[in-house]
Protein backbone atom coordinates (compact mmCIF):
# COMPACT_ATOMS: atom_id res chain seq x y z
CA MET A 1 0.00 0.00 0.00
CA LYS A 2 1.25 3.48 -0.91
CA SER A 3 0.38 6.89 0.40
CA MET A 4 -0.07 9.71 -2.11
CA THR A 5 2.19 12.03 -0.11
CA GLY A 6 5.94 12.06 -0.65
CA TYR A 7 9.09 13.78 -1.90
CA GLY A 8 12.03 12.64 -4.00
CA LYS A 9 15.02 14.10 -5.82
CA GLY A 10 17.02 12.67 -8.70
CA VAL A 11 20.19 13.83 -10.47
CA ALA A 12 21.71 12.59 -13.74
CA SER A 13 24.95 13.80 -15.41
CA LYS A 14 26.86 13.19 -18.61
CA ASP A 15 29.25 15.19 -20.84
CA LYS A 16 29.36 18.10 -18.35
CA ARG A 17 25.58 18.34 -18.40
CA THR A 18 23.57 17.86 -15.20
CA VAL A 19 19.82 17.50 -14.83
CA SER A 20 18.18 17.73 -11.42
CA VAL A 21 14.53 16.79 -10.84
CA GLU A 22 12.59 17.22 -7.59
CA ILE A 23 9.08 15.77 -7.20
CA LYS A 24 6.53 16.49 -4.49
CA SER A 25 3.22 14.63 -4.40
CA VAL A 26 0.02 15.18 -2.40
CA ASN A 27 -3.53 13.80 -2.34
CA ASN A 28 -5.76 13.99 -5.38
CA ARG A 29 -8.66 11.85 -6.62
CA PHE A 30 -7.08 11.87 -10.08
CA LEU A 31 -3.58 12.06 -11.57
CA GLU A 32 -2.33 15.62 -12.09
CA ILE A 33 1.23 16.53 -13.08
CA GLY A 34 2.59 20.07 -13.02
CA CYS A 35 6.07 20.71 -14.44
CA LYS A 36 8.03 23.87 -13.65
CA LEU A 37 10.14 24.28 -16.81
CA PRO A 38 11.93 27.20 -18.49
CA LYS A 39 10.56 28.02 -21.94
CA SER A 40 13.71 26.78 -23.66
CA MET A 41 13.25 23.33 -22.09
CA MET A 42 9.56 22.74 -22.79
CA TYR A 43 10.45 19.86 -25.11
CA ILE A 44 11.19 17.65 -22.09
CA ASP A 45 7.70 18.09 -20.61
CA ASP A 46 6.51 14.99 -22.45
CA VAL A 47 9.42 12.95 -21.05
CA ILE A 48 8.51 13.90 -17.48
CA GLN A 49 4.78 13.36 -18.01
CA LYS A 50 5.25 9.86 -19.44
CA THR A 51 7.74 8.82 -16.74
CA VAL A 52 5.46 9.93 -13.90
CA LYS A 53 2.35 8.35 -15.47
CA ALA A 54 4.21 5.04 -15.79
CA ASN A 55 4.84 5.04 -12.04
CA ALA A 56 1.68 6.54 -10.52
CA SER A 57 -2.08 6.09 -10.88
CA ARG A 58 -3.37 9.11 -8.94
CA GLY A 59 -2.17 12.05 -6.88
CA SER A 60 -1.04 15.60 -7.56
CA PHE A 61 2.63 15.79 -8.61
CA ASP A 62 4.69 19.00 -8.71
CA VAL A 63 7.91 18.54 -10.69
CA TYR A 64 10.76 21.04 -10.31
CA PHE A 65 13.49 20.91 -12.98
CA SER A 66 16.96 22.44 -13.20
CA TYR A 67 19.64 22.04 -15.86
CA GLU A 68 23.33 22.97 -15.92
CA ASN A 69 25.48 22.85 -19.05
CA LEU A 70 29.23 23.25 -18.50
CA SER A 71 30.28 21.82 -21.85
CA ASP A 72 32.42 23.77 -24.34
CA THR A 73 29.40 24.37 -26.52
CA ALA A 74 27.31 25.76 -23.68
CA LYS A 75 27.64 29.40 -24.78
CA LYS A 76 29.00 31.33 -27.73
CA VAL A 77 30.39 34.88 -27.71
CA THR A 78 29.82 36.99 -30.84
CA VAL A 79 31.54 40.35 -31.59
CA ASP A 80 29.85 42.96 -33.77
CA ASN A 81 33.04 44.12 -35.56
CA ALA A 82 31.26 46.72 -37.69
CA LEU A 83 29.72 48.39 -34.66
CA ALA A 84 33.06 48.21 -32.80
CA ALA A 85 34.78 49.99 -35.70
CA GLU A 86 32.17 52.78 -35.54
CA TYR A 87 32.81 53.25 -31.82
CA VAL A 88 36.63 53.37 -32.35
CA ASN A 89 36.30 55.89 -35.16
CA ALA A 90 33.96 58.00 -33.04
CA ALA A 91 36.50 57.95 -30.21
CA LYS A 92 39.30 59.08 -32.54
CA SER A 93 37.13 61.90 -33.89
CA LEU A 94 36.29 63.13 -30.40
CA ARG A 95 39.95 63.02 -29.35
CA ALA A 96 41.05 65.08 -32.36
CA GLN A 97 38.21 67.59 -32.14
CA PHE A 98 38.37 68.26 -28.41
CA ARG A 99 42.06 67.42 -27.83
CA LEU A 100 41.22 64.75 -25.28
CA GLU A 101 43.43 62.03 -23.86
CA ASP A 102 42.93 58.75 -25.64
CA ASP A 103 41.93 56.19 -22.96
CA TYR A 104 39.49 54.22 -25.11
CA ASN A 105 41.08 50.74 -24.89
CA VAL A 106 39.93 47.17 -25.54
CA THR A 107 38.41 46.81 -22.06
CA ALA A 108 36.31 49.92 -22.57
CA LEU A 109 35.24 48.66 -25.99
CA LEU A 110 34.10 45.31 -24.55
CA ARG A 111 31.94 47.17 -22.05
CA THR A 112 30.23 49.17 -24.75
CA PRO A 113 26.57 48.12 -25.25
CA ASP A 114 25.77 45.72 -28.12
CA ILE A 115 29.41 45.05 -29.02
CA ILE A 116 29.41 41.64 -27.36
CA SER A 117 26.48 39.21 -27.45
CA VAL A 118 26.28 35.82 -25.78
CA SER A 119 24.11 33.14 -27.38
CA VAL A 120 23.21 29.62 -26.36
CA PRO A 121 23.30 27.21 -29.30
CA ASP A 122 20.83 24.38 -29.70
CA ASP A 123 21.65 21.72 -27.13
CA ASP A 124 21.77 17.96 -27.59
CA ARG A 125 18.05 17.42 -27.00
CA GLU A 126 18.30 13.65 -27.13
CA LEU A 127 20.93 13.60 -24.39
CA VAL A 128 19.06 16.11 -22.22
CA SER A 129 15.84 14.11 -22.62
CA GLU A 130 17.57 10.91 -21.55
CA LEU A 131 19.15 12.61 -18.53
CA THR A 132 15.74 13.98 -17.62
CA ARG A 133 14.19 10.53 -17.82
CA GLN A 134 16.94 9.10 -15.58
CA ALA A 135 16.67 11.91 -13.02
CA THR A 136 12.87 11.69 -12.96
CA SER A 137 12.98 7.91 -12.47
CA GLU A 138 15.44 8.30 -9.60
CA ALA A 139 13.27 10.98 -7.97
CA LEU A 140 10.20 8.73 -8.28
CA LYS A 141 12.04 5.80 -6.66
CA LYS A 142 12.96 7.94 -3.64
CA LEU A 143 9.45 9.36 -3.51
CA ASP A 144 8.07 5.80 -3.58
CA ILE A 145 10.16 4.86 -0.54
CA MET A 146 8.53 7.65 1.44
CA ARG A 147 5.07 6.80 0.10
CA LYS A 148 5.45 3.12 1.03
CA LEU A 149 6.58 3.97 4.56
CA GLU A 150 3.54 6.18 5.07
CA GLY A 151 1.37 3.57 3.35
CA ASP A 152 2.48 0.93 5.87
CA GLY A 153 1.25 3.17 8.67
CA ILE A 154 -2.09 3.71 6.93
CA LEU A 155 -2.45 -0.05 6.42
CA ARG A 156 -1.97 -0.68 10.14
CA ASP A 157 -4.64 1.90 10.94
CA LEU A 158 -7.03 0.39 8.38
CA ASP A 159 -6.50 -3.10 9.81
CA THR A 160 -7.50 -1.81 13.22
CA LEU A 161 -10.52 0.11 11.91
CA ILE A 162 -11.83 -2.71 9.71
CA GLY A 163 -11.38 -5.09 12.66
CA ASN A 164 -13.46 -2.79 14.85
CA LEU A 165 -16.15 -2.62 12.16
CA ASN A 166 -16.20 -6.40 11.90
CA ASP A 167 -16.58 -6.71 15.69
CA TYR A 168 -19.57 -4.35 15.69
CA LEU A 169 -21.09 -6.30 12.79
CA ALA A 170 -20.74 -9.50 14.83
CA GLN A 171 -22.69 -7.83 17.64
CA VAL A 172 -25.39 -6.81 15.15
CA LYS A 173 -25.62 -10.38 13.83
CA LYS A 174 -26.06 -11.67 17.37
CA ARG A 175 -28.67 -9.08 18.33
CA ALA A 176 -30.76 -8.91 15.11
CA PRO A 177 -32.61 -12.25 15.51
CA LEU A 178 -33.66 -11.31 19.05
CA VAL A 179 -35.22 -7.98 18.10
CA VAL A 180 -38.44 -9.46 16.67
CA GLU A 181 -38.91 -11.79 19.64
CA ASP A 182 -38.43 -8.92 22.09
CA TYR A 183 -40.87 -6.82 20.10
CA LYS A 184 -43.44 -9.64 20.19
CA LYS A 185 -43.14 -10.04 23.97
CA GLY A 186 -43.36 -6.32 24.54
CA LEU A 187 -46.36 -5.96 22.23
CA ILE A 188 -48.30 -8.75 23.96
CA ALA A 189 -47.55 -7.28 27.38
CA ARG A 190 -48.73 -3.81 26.36
CA VAL A 191 -51.91 -5.11 24.73
CA LYS A 192 -52.82 -7.23 27.77
CA GLU A 193 -52.24 -4.21 29.96
CA LEU A 194 -54.56 -2.12 27.82
CA LEU A 195 -57.22 -4.86 27.69
CA ASP A 196 -57.12 -5.16 31.46
CA GLY A 197 -56.50 -8.89 31.57
CA TYR A 198 -58.45 -9.97 28.48
CA GLU A 199 -56.60 -12.21 26.04
CA PRO A 200 -55.73 -10.36 22.80
CA ASP A 201 -56.56 -11.58 19.30
CA GLU A 202 -53.55 -13.75 18.52
CA SER A 203 -53.95 -13.59 14.74
CA LYS A 204 -53.86 -9.80 14.77
CA LEU A 205 -50.82 -9.83 17.03
CA LEU A 206 -49.04 -12.24 14.69
CA ASN A 207 -49.83 -10.02 11.71
CA GLU A 208 -48.44 -7.01 13.56
CA VAL A 209 -45.30 -8.93 14.52
CA ALA A 210 -44.87 -10.19 10.94
CA PHE A 211 -45.19 -6.65 9.60
CA PHE A 212 -42.59 -5.44 12.08
CA ALA A 213 -40.24 -8.34 11.27
CA ASP A 214 -40.39 -7.55 7.57
CA LYS A 215 -39.82 -3.85 8.14
CA ALA A 216 -36.94 -4.40 10.60
CA ASP A 217 -35.21 -7.19 8.66
CA ILE A 218 -31.52 -6.27 8.15
CA ASN A 219 -30.17 -9.70 7.18
CA GLU A 220 -29.49 -8.55 3.62
CA GLU A 221 -27.57 -5.49 4.84
CA ILE A 222 -25.59 -7.62 7.29
CA SER A 223 -24.64 -10.03 4.49
CA ARG A 224 -23.60 -7.25 2.09
CA LEU A 225 -21.59 -5.40 4.71
CA GLY A 226 -19.80 -8.63 5.61
CA SER A 227 -18.98 -9.13 1.93
CA HIS A 228 -17.66 -5.57 1.63
CA ILE A 229 -15.43 -6.06 4.67
CA ALA A 230 -14.00 -9.29 3.19
CA GLN A 231 -13.32 -7.57 -0.16
CA PHE A 232 -11.78 -4.58 1.61
CA THR A 233 -9.39 -6.83 3.56
CA ALA A 234 -8.39 -8.72 0.41
CA ILE A 235 -7.70 -5.53 -1.57
CA CYS A 236 -5.52 -4.18 1.24
CA LYS A 237 -3.18 -7.16 0.73
CA GLU A 238 -2.68 -6.48 -3.00
CA ASN A 239 0.35 -4.72 -4.49
CA ALA A 240 -1.62 -2.88 -7.19
CA PRO A 241 -3.08 0.62 -6.56
CA GLN A 242 -5.99 0.22 -4.15
CA GLY A 243 -7.32 3.72 -3.42
CA ARG A 244 -10.17 3.93 -5.93
CA ARG A 245 -11.53 0.46 -5.15
CA LEU A 246 -11.30 0.98 -1.40
CA ASP A 247 -13.02 4.34 -1.80
CA PHE A 248 -15.89 2.66 -3.67
CA LEU A 249 -16.22 -0.05 -1.02
CA SER A 250 -16.24 2.50 1.79
CA GLN A 251 -19.15 4.28 0.08
CA GLU A 252 -21.02 0.98 -0.13
CA MET A 253 -20.30 0.36 3.56
CA VAL A 254 -21.82 3.73 4.41
CA ARG A 255 -24.94 2.81 2.43
CA GLU A 256 -25.42 -0.52 4.23
CA VAL A 257 -24.81 0.95 7.69
CA ASN A 258 -27.25 3.80 7.01
CA THR A 259 -29.89 1.35 5.85
CA MET A 260 -29.42 -0.67 9.03
CA GLY A 261 -29.87 2.51 11.04
CA SER A 262 -33.09 3.44 9.23
CA LYS A 263 -34.56 -0.04 9.85
CA SER A 264 -33.37 -0.35 13.41
CA ASN A 265 -35.98 -0.02 16.14
CA ASP A 266 -33.76 -1.35 18.91
CA ILE A 267 -31.49 0.61 21.23
CA THR A 268 -28.70 -1.99 21.16
CA LEU A 269 -28.66 -2.10 17.35
CA THR A 270 -28.79 1.69 17.18
CA ARG A 271 -25.69 1.96 19.35
CA CYS A 272 -23.86 -0.53 17.14
CA VAL A 273 -24.91 1.36 14.00
CA VAL A 274 -23.63 4.66 15.42
CA ALA A 275 -20.33 3.00 16.31
CA MET A 276 -20.05 1.47 12.81
CA LYS A 277 -20.70 4.85 11.18
CA ASN A 278 -17.86 6.29 13.22
CA GLU A 279 -15.45 3.53 12.11
CA VAL A 280 -16.44 3.86 8.44
CA GLU A 281 -15.86 7.63 8.53
CA LYS A 282 -12.38 7.02 9.94
CA ILE A 283 -11.76 4.48 7.18
CA LYS A 284 -12.84 6.98 4.51
CA GLU A 285 -10.49 9.58 5.96
CA GLN A 286 -7.54 7.19 5.73
CA ILE A 287 -8.44 6.13 2.18
CA ARG A 288 -8.16 9.74 0.96
CA ASN A 289 -4.37 9.38 1.14
CA ILE A 290 -4.06 5.97 -0.56
CA GLU A 291 -2.92 5.70 -4.16
């Protein structure tokens, strides 16, 4: 089991080029990937997207990218010789006209605007893309370590919560068959009290009890909830992403527990239903952080 929260960093280098990728992930019902890239590097967005999608099924991923090129072809200096000649000639003219000292040297010329321009030639895109893939994969591996550690903690909590839910369901199973019998006894006692000792019409009482039994029957809900708990436990043991399926099962659990509550006309069952609702809500809260 994996959490959706984690952080990882990966670095890849070759031919004096270094790519660094940092990935931070948080909860999300779907898979969202945001890449922070400079405009000149937008061509690697597809590399990052595909690498992350191959390793994650849902969650919100923020990818931070940095690139350093220290190779000989990293930058190119260009001199505008024609413009430099104009500046030199202008300096000579000013010196002759105003009888000034000639201190216009090479250093001053290099500092003159627009004389020197620095350009970055097209990089080896194939190499940069491969380094990006390697760095992203490394970052995802480290992120996965953190997600698995947190996932182990969530799994322990879920085991406890699903165990509690199962215990309450066992109490409901034990109590449910007794509810109709208790209702029958109570009904007969109340009717006799109202009739002041006269025997009630047994057929009418049986009809009333049968109507109550049908209305209060929760055997189907008990069976379905038990099935959901078994499926939930089995899914928790799988290695594949579990979040979406567990989320669906938790919604079904809520439905069954609510139906039990609406049918319940017994204080003991009502207490169990309230307790089960509490456990299911805790389960849903934990599932929100499962991939």
